[in-house]
Amino acid sequence: MPRIDHCSAPAPDPLRACSLTEVAERLCVSLKTVRRMVDSGDLKAFRPHKSGRTIRVSEAALRDFFDAAS
């Protein structure tokens, strides 16, 4: 499990969804690490469009991840 470091966490907005790149920046890990966390189920993510390739992580999922890690 990567070290949790709140590098640049903006004020939480429960309706906001972050890109994987934004999540990587907030966790201070690589994009590849975030993708692994999503693939393993450690971090919940969703696709906002049925046939799209875009993946997003909600603020609630990030909060749950932080709570589980601490």
Protein backbone atom coordinates (compact mmCIF):
# COMPACT_ATOMS: atom_id res chain seq x y z
CA MET A 1 0.00 0.00 0.00
CA PRO A 2 1.46 3.41 -0.91
CA ARG A 3 2.17 6.02 1.73
CA ILE A 4 -0.73 8.43 2.14
CA ASP A 5 0.37 12.03 1.93
CA HIS A 6 -2.12 14.83 1.46
CA CYS A 7 0.06 16.83 -0.96
CA SER A 8 -2.42 19.12 -2.63
CA ALA A 9 -5.88 18.16 -1.48
CA PRO A 10 -8.41 20.87 -2.32
CA ALA A 11 -11.49 21.44 -0.17
CA PRO A 12 -13.70 18.36 -0.48
CA ASP A 13 -16.84 18.63 -2.60
CA PRO A 14 -18.92 15.45 -2.26
CA LEU A 15 -20.24 15.74 -5.83
CA ARG A 16 -16.82 16.28 -7.42
CA ALA A 17 -15.20 13.47 -9.39
CA CYS A 18 -11.46 13.45 -9.99
CA SER A 19 -9.55 12.08 -12.95
CA LEU A 20 -6.98 9.39 -12.25
CA THR A 21 -4.26 11.96 -12.90
CA GLU A 22 -5.72 14.27 -10.24
CA VAL A 23 -5.93 11.36 -7.80
CA ALA A 24 -2.28 10.49 -8.47
CA GLU A 25 -1.27 14.09 -7.75
CA ARG A 26 -3.29 14.19 -4.53
CA LEU A 27 -1.83 10.90 -3.31
CA CYS A 28 1.68 11.76 -4.52
CA VAL A 29 1.93 8.50 -6.46
CA SER A 30 2.20 7.64 -10.13
CA LEU A 31 -0.75 7.27 -12.47
CA LYS A 32 0.19 3.60 -12.86
CA THR A 33 -0.12 3.10 -9.10
CA VAL A 34 -3.60 4.66 -9.10
CA ARG A 35 -4.64 2.36 -11.96
CA ARG A 36 -3.39 -0.64 -9.96
CA MET A 37 -5.35 0.53 -6.91
CA VAL A 38 -8.52 0.79 -9.02
CA ASP A 39 -7.91 -2.61 -10.66
CA SER A 40 -7.37 -4.29 -7.28
CA GLY A 41 -10.51 -2.72 -5.81
CA ASP A 42 -8.63 -0.70 -3.17
CA LEU A 43 -9.98 2.50 -4.72
CA LYS A 44 -13.52 2.68 -6.12
CA ALA A 45 -13.85 4.29 -9.54
CA PHE A 46 -16.55 4.67 -12.16
CA ARG A 47 -17.00 5.43 -15.84
CA PRO A 48 -19.24 8.49 -16.35
CA HIS A 49 -20.19 7.38 -19.89
CA LYS A 50 -21.33 3.86 -20.73
CA SER A 51 -19.07 3.36 -23.72
CA GLY A 52 -16.37 5.86 -22.73
CA ARG A 53 -12.81 5.21 -21.66
CA THR A 54 -12.81 7.95 -19.02
CA ILE A 55 -12.47 6.79 -15.42
CA ARG A 56 -13.29 9.00 -12.43
CA VAL A 57 -12.97 8.69 -8.66
CA SER A 58 -15.50 10.46 -6.44
CA GLU A 59 -14.52 12.54 -3.42
CA ALA A 60 -16.46 10.05 -1.29
CA ALA A 61 -14.35 7.17 -2.63
CA LEU A 62 -11.16 9.12 -1.87
CA ARG A 63 -12.42 9.87 1.64
CA ASP A 64 -13.20 6.16 2.15
CA PHE A 65 -9.71 5.28 0.91
CA PHE A 66 -8.10 7.73 3.35
CA ASP A 67 -10.22 6.42 6.21
CA ALA A 68 -9.29 2.81 5.43
CA ALA A 69 -5.59 3.68 5.19
CA SER A 70 -5.42 5.47 8.54
